[in-house]
Amino acid sequence: MKEYLTLTEIQRDLREEGLTCVKLVDHYLEKIEANKHLNAFVEVYTEEAKKAALAVDAKIANGTAGKLAGMVIGLKDVLSLTGHGLQAGSQILQNYTAPYTATAVQRLLDEDAIIIGRQNCDEFAMGSSNENSSFGPVLNAINNAKVPGGSSGGSAVAVQAGLCHASLGSDTGGSVRQPAAFCGVIGVKPSYGRISRYGLIAYASSFDCIGPITKSVADAALLLEVMSGADDFDSTVSERPVPAYTAGLEWKGKAKIGYIRSAVENEAIAPEIRRQTSEVLDRLRAEGHEVTAIDMPLLDSLLPTYYILTTAEASSNLSRFDGVRYGYRSPESVDLESMYKKTRTEGFGDEVRRRILLGTFVLSANYYDAYYTKAQRVRRLVREETNRFFEQFDFLISPVTPTTAFTLGEKTEDPLQMYLADIFTVQANVVGNPAVSIPNGLDDQGMPIGIQIMAPYFGEEKMLAFANYLTALNQEAVAYN
């Protein structure tokens, strides 16, 4: 079976070429089995997906199928689906079954998407390489010695390797965009509050966003359109009307684009990434867009601010996992105190324990004002600076990562180096703005490079249209060369 770039192509063949959802599901199941070594899925819903395919085929036959008929999608292991396992890549949720379905997932099901399985991820979405999962690391399909990025590594690899048509991930500091860049696919982080977080296991509640990973901007726009909007189960979700993103994918006019000088000229960035990013900016200038280098004084404060605030929120959010009501409970417990200590020590991995301890420290009475309060003030200043930027420009363009996919095990002994992989992605989460990663060529080892477009708050409509335009522009340049 041919590999489909867009759902539109699938739906055309469903109507005209004798393709069926049953054939599609069988194809993806075969590919998942043939690529088990990638470790992208931790659970495959074989029989359920086949039954859903039969039901969707019947709907297509009688003309009642939804917008997503023919889309086979995987879910990152942090999204609830009733009756299925949910572990966030952690042993602390061993044998836990989701009691309800996440709003975003339900909206996909309502439009006849077919869920094929649960995808591997860094434990509690904490990581930039997908090496922190209790299910083991995910491998990059292009080079199995390389990481896929994290924390939504399984979700990105599943799309990259054609194990499903699209995936749903979560993005707290770049966890959709960074693996999308490492795997050469599209990853969208929407504005905070655009998609309901009901049914998403919380890591850092004021940062977490659900986002799609796809092979085309058009499919990302469609998924965003379906999932977005008000939800009675989430008080943080916006009630703003949801634009018809798929109807506005044609970019018109000239854009005012800013880029952070140090993000393109800094010698710490891999040479191929600097070169490819510069070429895109030159290409945009040649097309008549206004492209300006800017300096952002608070850039150096982004990562410390992000990690102080997210670890503080993680410390609070993960306190519920204690072995009392559900999940793993240490068999070595002898009393209540030892149950808490042993369960959490044994159930959480090293990175999660590290972040819980750091978060507990910055929230402690003696250090609260010195770290947490100060980080909140810096977050406000970064938001104000970003808003001033978008008073002058339409988009902020940058690399997604300072390097392409690195080798498995290369950075596990140095957490600081791992954290630096998020340097360009965390700003969108700190301020709540939307951002998208699109492919931007390959490095000299054949590994994908990503470029990021960030837009004003709730500026997804223009951002997606420009991303679609820039994707086509990049493809033209590759074809020409």
Protein backbone atom coordinates (compact mmCIF):
# COMPACT_ATOMS: atom_id res chain seq x y z
CA MET A 1 0.00 0.00 0.00
CA LYS A 2 1.26 3.48 -0.84
CA GLU A 3 2.18 5.92 1.88
CA TYR A 4 -0.31 8.76 2.16
CA LEU A 5 0.79 12.33 2.89
CA THR A 6 -2.67 13.73 3.65
CA LEU A 7 -6.07 12.54 4.79
CA THR A 8 -7.53 14.10 1.63
CA GLU A 9 -5.62 11.53 -0.44
CA ILE A 10 -6.87 8.70 1.77
CA GLN A 11 -10.47 9.85 1.54
CA ARG A 12 -10.23 10.17 -2.24
CA ASP A 13 -9.05 6.57 -2.51
CA LEU A 14 -11.75 5.45 -0.06
CA ARG A 15 -14.31 6.91 -2.44
CA GLU A 16 -12.79 6.06 -5.80
CA GLU A 17 -10.05 3.43 -5.64
CA GLY A 18 -11.50 0.57 -3.64
CA LEU A 19 -9.55 1.38 -0.49
CA THR A 20 -11.27 0.55 2.82
CA CYS A 21 -10.56 1.47 6.42
CA VAL A 22 -10.18 -2.24 7.14
CA LYS A 23 -7.33 -2.44 4.60
CA LEU A 24 -5.77 0.70 6.08
CA VAL A 25 -5.85 -0.66 9.62
CA ASP A 26 -4.46 -4.02 8.51
CA HIS A 27 -1.65 -2.19 6.71
CA TYR A 28 -0.72 -0.17 9.80
CA LEU A 29 -0.93 -3.23 12.06
CA GLU A 30 1.48 -5.07 9.77
CA LYS A 31 3.89 -2.14 9.82
CA ILE A 32 3.72 -1.85 13.60
CA GLU A 33 4.58 -5.55 13.90
CA ALA A 34 7.41 -5.25 11.38
CA ASN A 35 8.86 -2.26 13.24
CA LYS A 36 8.51 -3.44 16.83
CA HIS A 37 12.21 -2.76 17.34
CA LEU A 38 11.48 0.99 17.20
CA ASN A 39 9.47 0.61 20.44
CA ALA A 40 7.03 3.32 19.36
CA PHE A 41 3.90 1.61 20.73
CA VAL A 42 3.42 0.24 24.23
CA GLU A 43 -0.06 -1.12 23.48
CA VAL A 44 -1.76 -1.81 20.15
CA TYR A 45 -5.58 -1.88 20.02
CA THR A 46 -5.70 -4.57 17.32
CA GLU A 47 -9.23 -5.91 17.63
CA GLU A 48 -10.78 -2.58 18.61
CA ALA A 49 -9.18 -0.82 15.63
CA LYS A 50 -10.46 -3.51 13.26
CA LYS A 51 -14.01 -3.17 14.62
CA ALA A 52 -13.83 0.61 14.36
CA ALA A 53 -12.62 0.29 10.75
CA LEU A 54 -15.65 -1.85 9.85
CA ALA A 55 -17.98 0.70 11.47
CA VAL A 56 -16.37 3.63 9.63
CA ASP A 57 -16.51 1.77 6.30
CA ALA A 58 -20.25 1.31 6.85
CA LYS A 59 -20.65 5.03 7.55
CA ILE A 60 -18.70 5.92 4.40
CA ALA A 61 -20.99 3.60 2.39
CA ASN A 62 -24.14 5.29 3.67
CA GLY A 63 -22.77 8.84 3.56
CA THR A 64 -22.71 9.58 7.29
CA ALA A 65 -18.96 9.47 7.94
CA GLY A 66 -17.28 12.25 9.92
CA LYS A 67 -14.44 14.61 8.93
CA LEU A 68 -11.72 12.21 10.07
CA ALA A 69 -13.00 9.03 8.41
CA GLY A 70 -9.94 7.13 7.22
CA MET A 71 -7.51 8.69 9.71
CA VAL A 72 -5.73 6.09 11.81
CA ILE A 73 -4.18 7.81 14.79
CA GLY A 74 -2.02 6.91 17.80
CA LEU A 75 -2.16 8.45 21.28
CA LYS A 76 0.77 9.41 23.46
CA ASP A 77 0.68 7.47 26.73
CA VAL A 78 -0.56 10.49 28.67
CA LEU A 79 -4.03 10.72 27.10
CA SER A 80 -7.00 8.87 28.58
CA LEU A 81 -9.10 6.45 26.58
CA THR A 82 -11.79 4.64 28.54
CA GLY A 83 -10.98 1.03 29.34
CA HIS A 84 -7.39 1.18 28.14
CA GLY A 85 -4.09 1.27 29.96
CA LEU A 86 -2.61 4.66 30.85
CA GLN A 87 0.85 4.85 32.39
CA ALA A 88 2.65 8.02 31.22
CA GLY A 89 5.66 5.79 30.59
CA SER A 90 5.94 5.09 34.32
CA GLN A 91 5.80 2.05 36.60
CA ILE A 92 4.02 4.13 39.23
CA LEU A 93 0.85 3.69 37.11
CA GLN A 94 1.39 -0.01 36.57
CA ASN A 95 -1.83 -1.78 35.51
CA TYR A 96 -3.83 1.47 35.68
CA THR A 97 -6.87 1.65 33.38
CA ALA A 98 -8.31 4.98 32.24
CA PRO A 99 -11.82 5.52 33.67
CA TYR A 100 -12.82 8.15 31.08
CA THR A 101 -11.80 9.53 27.68
CA ALA A 102 -9.93 12.80 27.19
CA THR A 103 -12.00 15.53 25.54
CA ALA A 104 -9.52 15.92 22.66
CA VAL A 105 -9.60 12.17 22.00
CA GLN A 106 -13.38 12.02 22.20
CA ARG A 107 -13.68 14.77 19.61
CA LEU A 108 -11.52 12.74 17.24
CA LEU A 109 -13.66 9.65 17.81
CA ASP A 110 -16.81 11.69 17.20
CA GLU A 111 -15.47 12.52 13.73
CA ASP A 112 -14.68 8.83 13.03
CA ALA A 113 -10.93 8.75 13.61
CA ILE A 114 -9.64 5.24 14.39
CA ILE A 115 -7.38 4.92 17.43
CA ILE A 116 -4.78 2.22 16.82
CA GLY A 117 -2.77 2.27 20.03
CA ARG A 118 -0.88 3.89 22.89
CA GLN A 119 2.55 5.32 22.17
CA ASN A 120 5.77 5.34 24.17
CA CYS A 121 6.98 8.57 25.77
CA ASP A 122 9.41 9.92 28.34
CA GLU A 123 8.11 9.22 31.84
CA PHE A 124 5.42 11.79 32.72
CA ALA A 125 6.48 13.68 29.58
CA MET A 126 9.78 14.67 31.22
CA GLY A 127 12.56 14.41 28.69
CA SER A 128 13.99 15.45 25.33
CA SER A 129 15.08 12.08 23.96
CA ASN A 130 12.49 9.42 24.90
CA GLU A 131 15.15 7.57 26.89
CA ASN A 132 13.37 8.08 30.22
CA SER A 133 10.46 5.72 29.60
CA SER A 134 10.05 2.66 31.83
CA PHE A 135 9.20 0.81 28.59
CA GLY A 136 12.68 1.52 27.22
CA PRO A 137 13.89 4.05 24.64
CA VAL A 138 12.25 4.72 21.28
CA LEU A 139 14.55 4.53 18.24
CA ASN A 140 14.66 7.01 15.38
CA ALA A 141 13.45 5.22 12.24
CA ILE A 142 16.03 6.93 9.99
CA ASN A 143 18.99 5.87 12.14
CA ASN A 144 18.27 3.44 14.97
CA ALA A 145 21.35 4.63 16.87
CA LYS A 146 19.79 8.09 17.22
CA VAL A 147 17.10 9.36 19.58
CA PRO A 148 13.71 10.44 18.21
CA GLY A 149 13.42 13.44 20.55
CA GLY A 150 11.03 13.73 23.43
CA SER A 151 8.90 13.55 25.23
CA SER A 152 6.49 12.55 22.41
CA GLY A 153 9.14 10.37 20.73
CA GLY A 154 6.94 7.34 20.14
CA SER A 155 4.24 9.54 18.61
CA ALA A 156 6.71 11.20 16.21
CA VAL A 157 8.39 7.94 15.18
CA ALA A 158 5.02 6.30 14.55
CA VAL A 159 4.21 8.99 11.97
CA GLN A 160 7.77 9.08 10.61
CA ALA A 161 7.81 5.30 10.02
CA GLY A 162 4.23 5.12 8.71
CA LEU A 163 2.91 3.08 11.64
CA CYS A 164 -0.16 5.32 11.76
CA HIS A 165 -1.28 8.35 9.78
CA ALA A 166 -1.09 10.87 12.65
CA SER A 167 -0.45 11.05 16.38
CA LEU A 168 -1.52 13.11 19.35
CA GLY A 169 1.26 14.28 21.63
CA SER A 170 1.62 16.75 24.47
CA ASP A 171 3.90 19.77 24.56
CA THR A 172 5.10 21.27 27.86
CA GLY A 173 8.38 22.77 26.68
CA GLY A 174 8.75 21.48 23.14
CA SER A 175 7.66 17.86 23.47
CA VAL A 176 5.69 17.86 20.20
CA ARG A 177 7.92 20.18 18.17
CA GLN A 178 11.34 18.81 19.12
CA PRO A 179 10.62 15.14 18.21
CA ALA A 180 8.83 16.37 15.07
CA ALA A 181 12.05 18.16 14.09
CA PHE A 182 14.23 15.12 14.88
CA CYS A 183 11.94 12.86 12.85
CA GLY A 184 11.22 15.14 9.88
CA VAL A 185 7.47 15.56 10.43
CA ILE A 186 5.05 18.37 11.40
CA GLY A 187 4.40 19.19 15.06
CA VAL A 188 2.00 21.85 16.35
CA LYS A 189 1.85 23.35 19.82
CA PRO A 190 -1.40 25.41 20.00
CA SER A 191 -2.05 28.43 22.18
CA TYR A 192 -2.49 27.57 25.84
CA GLY A 193 -6.24 27.08 26.35
CA ARG A 194 -7.02 26.34 22.70
CA ILE A 195 -7.51 22.59 23.34
CA SER A 196 -9.01 21.14 26.51
CA ARG A 197 -6.54 19.38 28.79
CA TYR A 198 -9.26 17.20 30.35
CA GLY A 199 -7.94 13.64 30.28
CA LEU A 200 -4.29 14.66 29.86
CA ILE A 201 -2.03 13.49 32.71
CA ALA A 202 -0.64 16.72 34.14
CA TYR A 203 3.07 17.44 34.25
CA ALA A 204 3.05 21.25 34.56
CA SER A 205 -0.53 22.47 34.35
CA SER A 206 0.13 26.05 33.24
CA PHE A 207 2.40 24.85 30.40
CA ASP A 208 0.88 21.59 29.09
CA CYS A 209 -0.77 21.57 25.65
CA ILE A 210 -2.10 18.76 23.45
CA GLY A 211 -0.86 18.94 19.86
CA PRO A 212 -0.97 16.93 16.61
CA ILE A 213 1.97 15.28 14.83
CA THR A 214 1.39 14.73 11.12
CA LYS A 215 3.08 14.55 7.72
CA SER A 216 1.26 17.61 6.38
CA VAL A 217 0.22 21.03 7.65
CA ALA A 218 -3.27 20.40 6.22
CA ASP A 219 -3.82 17.38 8.50
CA ALA A 220 -2.44 19.26 11.51
CA ALA A 221 -4.88 22.09 10.78
CA LEU A 222 -7.78 19.64 10.52
CA LEU A 223 -6.95 17.92 13.80
CA LEU A 224 -6.55 21.26 15.55
CA GLU A 225 -9.90 22.39 14.16
CA VAL A 226 -11.64 19.25 15.42
CA MET A 227 -10.07 19.22 18.90
CA SER A 228 -10.26 22.93 19.76
CA GLY A 229 -12.97 24.80 21.61
CA ALA A 230 -14.73 25.22 24.92
CA ASP A 231 -15.15 22.29 27.29
CA ASP A 232 -17.21 22.13 30.48
CA PHE A 233 -14.63 19.77 31.99
CA ASP A 234 -11.70 22.23 31.73
CA SER A 235 -11.99 25.69 33.27
CA THR A 236 -8.71 26.79 31.62
CA VAL A 237 -9.83 26.22 28.04
CA SER A 238 -10.77 29.27 25.96
CA GLU A 239 -14.33 29.91 24.80
CA ARG A 240 -13.14 31.81 21.73
CA PRO A 241 -14.73 30.58 18.50
CA VAL A 242 -12.61 28.08 16.59
CA PRO A 243 -11.60 29.31 13.11
CA ALA A 244 -11.91 27.03 10.10
CA TYR A 245 -8.15 26.40 9.95
CA THR A 246 -8.44 24.08 6.96
CA ALA A 247 -10.24 26.72 4.90
CA GLY A 248 -7.52 29.33 5.47
CA LEU A 249 -4.37 27.45 4.51
CA GLU A 250 -3.58 29.63 1.50
CA TRP A 251 -1.08 32.32 2.50
CA LYS A 252 -1.62 35.75 0.94
CA GLY A 253 0.52 38.87 1.12
CA LYS A 254 3.91 39.57 2.63
CA ALA A 255 4.87 38.84 6.21
CA LYS A 256 6.96 40.73 8.72
CA ILE A 257 9.31 38.16 10.19
CA GLY A 258 11.70 38.51 13.08
CA TYR A 259 14.42 36.09 14.05
CA ILE A 260 16.61 36.06 17.13
CA ARG A 261 20.13 36.90 16.00
CA SER A 262 21.84 34.60 18.50
CA ALA A 263 19.63 31.67 17.45
CA VAL A 264 21.02 31.79 13.92
CA GLU A 265 24.54 33.15 14.37
CA ASN A 266 25.66 31.43 17.59
CA GLU A 267 28.52 28.99 16.96
CA ALA A 268 27.09 26.64 19.60
CA ILE A 269 24.34 25.81 17.08
CA ALA A 270 25.20 22.97 14.70
CA PRO A 271 26.65 24.43 11.45
CA GLU A 272 24.12 22.65 9.21
CA ILE A 273 21.21 24.04 11.24
CA ARG A 274 22.66 27.57 11.06
CA ARG A 275 23.14 27.25 7.33
CA GLN A 276 19.68 25.80 6.60
CA THR A 277 17.96 28.40 8.78
CA SER A 278 19.86 31.23 7.10
CA GLU A 279 18.91 29.87 3.68
CA VAL A 280 15.22 29.88 4.63
CA LEU A 281 15.46 33.49 5.81
CA ASP A 282 17.22 34.46 2.56
CA ARG A 283 14.55 32.61 0.58
CA LEU A 284 11.83 34.56 2.39
CA ARG A 285 13.61 37.86 1.70
CA ALA A 286 13.83 36.93 -1.98
CA GLU A 287 10.06 36.33 -1.94
CA GLY A 288 9.52 39.90 -0.74
CA HIS A 289 8.91 39.29 2.96
CA GLU A 290 10.41 41.64 5.51
CA VAL A 291 12.99 39.69 7.56
CA THR A 292 14.68 41.39 10.52
CA ALA A 293 17.24 40.23 13.08
CA ILE A 294 16.37 41.09 16.67
CA ASP A 295 17.90 40.65 20.10
CA MET A 296 15.85 39.31 22.99
CA PRO A 297 17.55 40.29 26.28
CA LEU A 298 15.63 37.77 28.38
CA LEU A 299 16.52 34.78 26.19
CA ASP A 300 19.12 33.58 28.70
CA SER A 301 16.45 33.51 31.41
CA LEU A 302 14.02 31.28 29.51
CA LEU A 303 15.38 27.85 30.45
CA PRO A 304 15.92 28.62 34.17
CA THR A 305 12.43 30.13 34.37
CA TYR A 306 10.90 27.18 32.57
CA TYR A 307 12.58 24.52 34.70
CA ILE A 308 11.92 26.27 38.02
CA LEU A 309 8.21 26.67 37.29
CA THR A 310 7.60 23.31 35.63
CA THR A 311 9.40 21.34 38.34
CA ALA A 312 7.42 23.22 40.98
CA GLU A 313 4.16 22.31 39.25
CA ALA A 314 5.35 18.73 38.75
CA SER A 315 6.13 18.42 42.45
CA SER A 316 2.53 19.37 43.20
CA ASN A 317 0.86 17.40 40.38
CA LEU A 318 2.76 14.17 40.97
CA SER A 319 2.08 14.11 44.72
CA ARG A 320 -1.13 12.19 43.92
CA PHE A 321 0.86 9.13 42.83
CA ASP A 322 1.49 7.54 46.22
CA GLY A 323 0.32 3.91 46.00
CA VAL A 324 -2.75 4.49 48.17
CA ARG A 325 -5.58 4.46 45.65
CA TYR A 326 -4.24 3.11 42.35
CA GLY A 327 -1.10 2.14 40.48
CA TYR A 328 2.06 0.61 41.85
CA ARG A 329 2.50 -0.08 45.58
CA SER A 330 5.82 -1.27 46.94
CA PRO A 331 5.67 -4.85 48.26
CA GLU A 332 8.35 -3.85 50.78
CA SER A 333 6.03 -1.47 52.65
CA VAL A 334 5.63 -2.11 56.38
CA ASP A 335 3.72 1.01 57.43
CA LEU A 336 2.18 4.15 55.88
CA GLU A 337 5.40 6.16 55.82
CA SER A 338 7.45 3.38 54.26
CA MET A 339 4.69 2.77 51.70
CA TYR A 340 4.91 6.40 50.54
CA LYS A 341 8.69 6.45 50.44
CA LYS A 342 9.28 3.06 48.86
CA THR A 343 6.42 3.31 46.38
CA ARG A 344 7.52 6.67 45.03
CA THR A 345 11.22 5.76 45.06
CA GLU A 346 10.64 2.49 43.20
CA GLY A 347 7.79 3.67 40.97
CA PHE A 348 9.37 6.87 39.60
CA GLY A 349 12.43 6.91 37.35
CA ASP A 350 15.57 8.98 37.93
CA GLU A 351 14.52 12.01 35.86
CA VAL A 352 11.09 12.27 37.45
CA ARG A 353 12.56 12.00 40.94
CA ARG A 354 15.11 14.66 40.03
CA ARG A 355 12.40 17.10 38.91
CA ILE A 356 10.15 16.38 41.89
CA LEU A 357 13.04 17.07 44.27
CA LEU A 358 13.98 20.27 42.46
CA GLY A 359 10.36 21.42 42.46
CA THR A 360 9.93 20.64 46.13
CA PHE A 361 13.11 22.61 46.87
CA VAL A 362 12.01 25.76 44.99
CA LEU A 363 8.61 25.63 46.72
CA SER A 364 10.10 25.24 50.20
CA ALA A 365 9.58 28.07 52.69
CA ASN A 366 13.22 29.20 52.69
CA TYR A 367 13.60 29.35 48.91
CA TYR A 368 10.08 30.13 47.60
CA ASP A 369 10.70 33.86 47.07
CA ALA A 370 14.26 33.42 45.83
CA TYR A 371 13.27 30.98 43.07
CA TYR A 372 9.57 30.42 42.43
CA THR A 373 8.36 33.99 42.95
CA LYS A 374 11.26 35.40 40.96
CA ALA A 375 10.63 32.93 38.11
CA GLN A 376 6.97 34.00 37.96
CA ARG A 377 8.08 37.62 37.64
CA VAL A 378 10.51 36.72 34.85
CA ARG A 379 7.74 34.78 33.11
CA ARG A 380 5.60 37.93 33.11
CA LEU A 381 8.52 39.97 31.71
CA VAL A 382 9.13 37.40 28.96
CA ARG A 383 5.43 37.50 28.07
CA GLU A 384 5.49 41.30 27.89
CA GLU A 385 8.63 41.27 25.75
CA THR A 386 7.10 38.67 23.42
CA ASN A 387 3.90 40.72 23.10
CA ARG A 388 5.94 43.80 22.17
CA PHE A 389 7.70 41.74 19.51
CA PHE A 390 4.38 40.71 17.98
CA GLU A 391 3.26 44.32 17.81
CA GLN A 392 5.91 44.73 15.11
CA PHE A 393 6.12 41.29 13.51
CA ASP A 394 3.80 38.57 12.28
CA PHE A 395 6.06 35.62 13.14
CA LEU A 396 9.18 34.69 15.07
CA ILE A 397 11.31 32.16 13.18
CA SER A 398 14.06 30.08 14.75
CA PRO A 399 15.62 26.64 14.63
CA VAL A 400 13.67 24.08 16.65
CA THR A 401 16.78 22.57 18.23
CA PRO A 402 20.49 23.46 18.48
CA THR A 403 21.46 20.05 17.02
CA THR A 404 19.87 17.30 15.00
CA ALA A 405 19.02 13.96 16.65
CA PHE A 406 21.88 12.89 18.89
CA THR A 407 23.10 9.38 19.65
CA LEU A 408 21.32 7.22 22.23
CA GLY A 409 23.02 7.59 25.62
CA GLU A 410 25.02 10.64 24.52
CA LYS A 411 23.45 13.06 26.99
CA THR A 412 21.95 10.86 29.69
CA GLU A 413 24.83 11.44 32.09
CA ASP A 414 24.57 15.23 31.83
CA PRO A 415 21.01 16.47 32.49
CA LEU A 416 22.03 20.08 31.81
CA GLN A 417 23.06 19.23 28.24
CA MET A 418 19.74 17.44 27.78
CA TYR A 419 17.83 20.47 29.09
CA LEU A 420 19.64 22.74 26.61
CA ALA A 421 17.93 20.83 23.77
CA ASP A 422 14.79 22.83 24.67
CA ILE A 423 16.41 26.26 24.34
CA PHE A 424 14.35 27.38 21.31
CA THR A 425 11.05 25.69 22.13
CA VAL A 426 10.35 26.70 25.74
CA GLN A 427 9.49 30.33 24.96
CA ALA A 428 6.17 29.38 23.36
CA ASN A 429 5.19 27.45 26.50
CA VAL A 430 6.39 30.12 28.93
CA VAL A 431 4.23 32.76 27.20
CA GLY A 432 1.41 30.47 25.95
CA ASN A 433 1.77 31.29 22.25
CA PRO A 434 1.31 28.82 19.38
CA ALA A 435 4.29 27.41 17.47
CA VAL A 436 4.85 24.84 14.75
CA SER A 437 7.84 22.78 13.66
CA ILE A 438 8.17 21.99 9.96
CA PRO A 439 10.92 20.07 8.14
CA ASN A 440 13.87 22.10 6.87
CA GLY A 441 16.15 19.70 5.04
CA LEU A 442 18.75 17.22 6.29
CA ASP A 443 22.17 17.47 7.88
CA ASP A 444 25.29 15.83 6.41
CA GLN A 445 24.38 12.54 8.14
CA GLY A 446 20.90 12.49 6.62
CA MET A 447 19.12 13.44 9.86
CA PRO A 448 16.18 15.86 9.66
CA ILE A 449 16.40 19.53 10.58
CA GLY A 450 13.35 21.48 11.77
CA ILE A 451 12.45 25.16 11.63
CA GLN A 452 10.01 26.76 14.06
CA ILE A 453 7.38 29.41 13.41
CA MET A 454 5.90 31.11 16.47
CA ALA A 455 2.85 33.38 16.21
CA PRO A 456 0.86 35.74 18.44
CA TYR A 457 -1.47 34.30 21.06
CA PHE A 458 -4.37 32.56 19.28
CA GLY A 459 -2.68 33.24 15.95
CA GLU A 460 -2.91 29.63 14.77
CA GLU A 461 -4.86 30.47 11.62
CA LYS A 462 -2.15 32.67 10.07
CA MET A 463 0.62 30.52 11.52
CA LEU A 464 -0.69 27.37 9.83
CA ALA A 465 -1.21 29.18 6.53
CA PHE A 466 2.36 30.49 6.63
CA ALA A 467 3.71 27.08 7.66
CA ASN A 468 1.92 25.54 4.69
CA TYR A 469 3.38 28.20 2.40
CA LEU A 470 6.91 27.81 3.79
CA THR A 471 6.73 24.02 3.54
CA ALA A 472 5.93 24.32 -0.16
CA LEU A 473 8.68 26.92 -0.60
CA ASN A 474 11.25 24.61 1.01
CA GLN A 475 10.13 21.69 -1.14
CA GLU A 476 10.51 23.82 -4.29
CA ALA A 477 14.04 24.77 -3.24
CA VAL A 478 14.97 21.10 -2.68
CA ALA A 479 13.49 20.11 -6.05
CA TYR A 480 15.35 22.96 -7.78
CA ASN A 481 18.69 22.00 -6.24
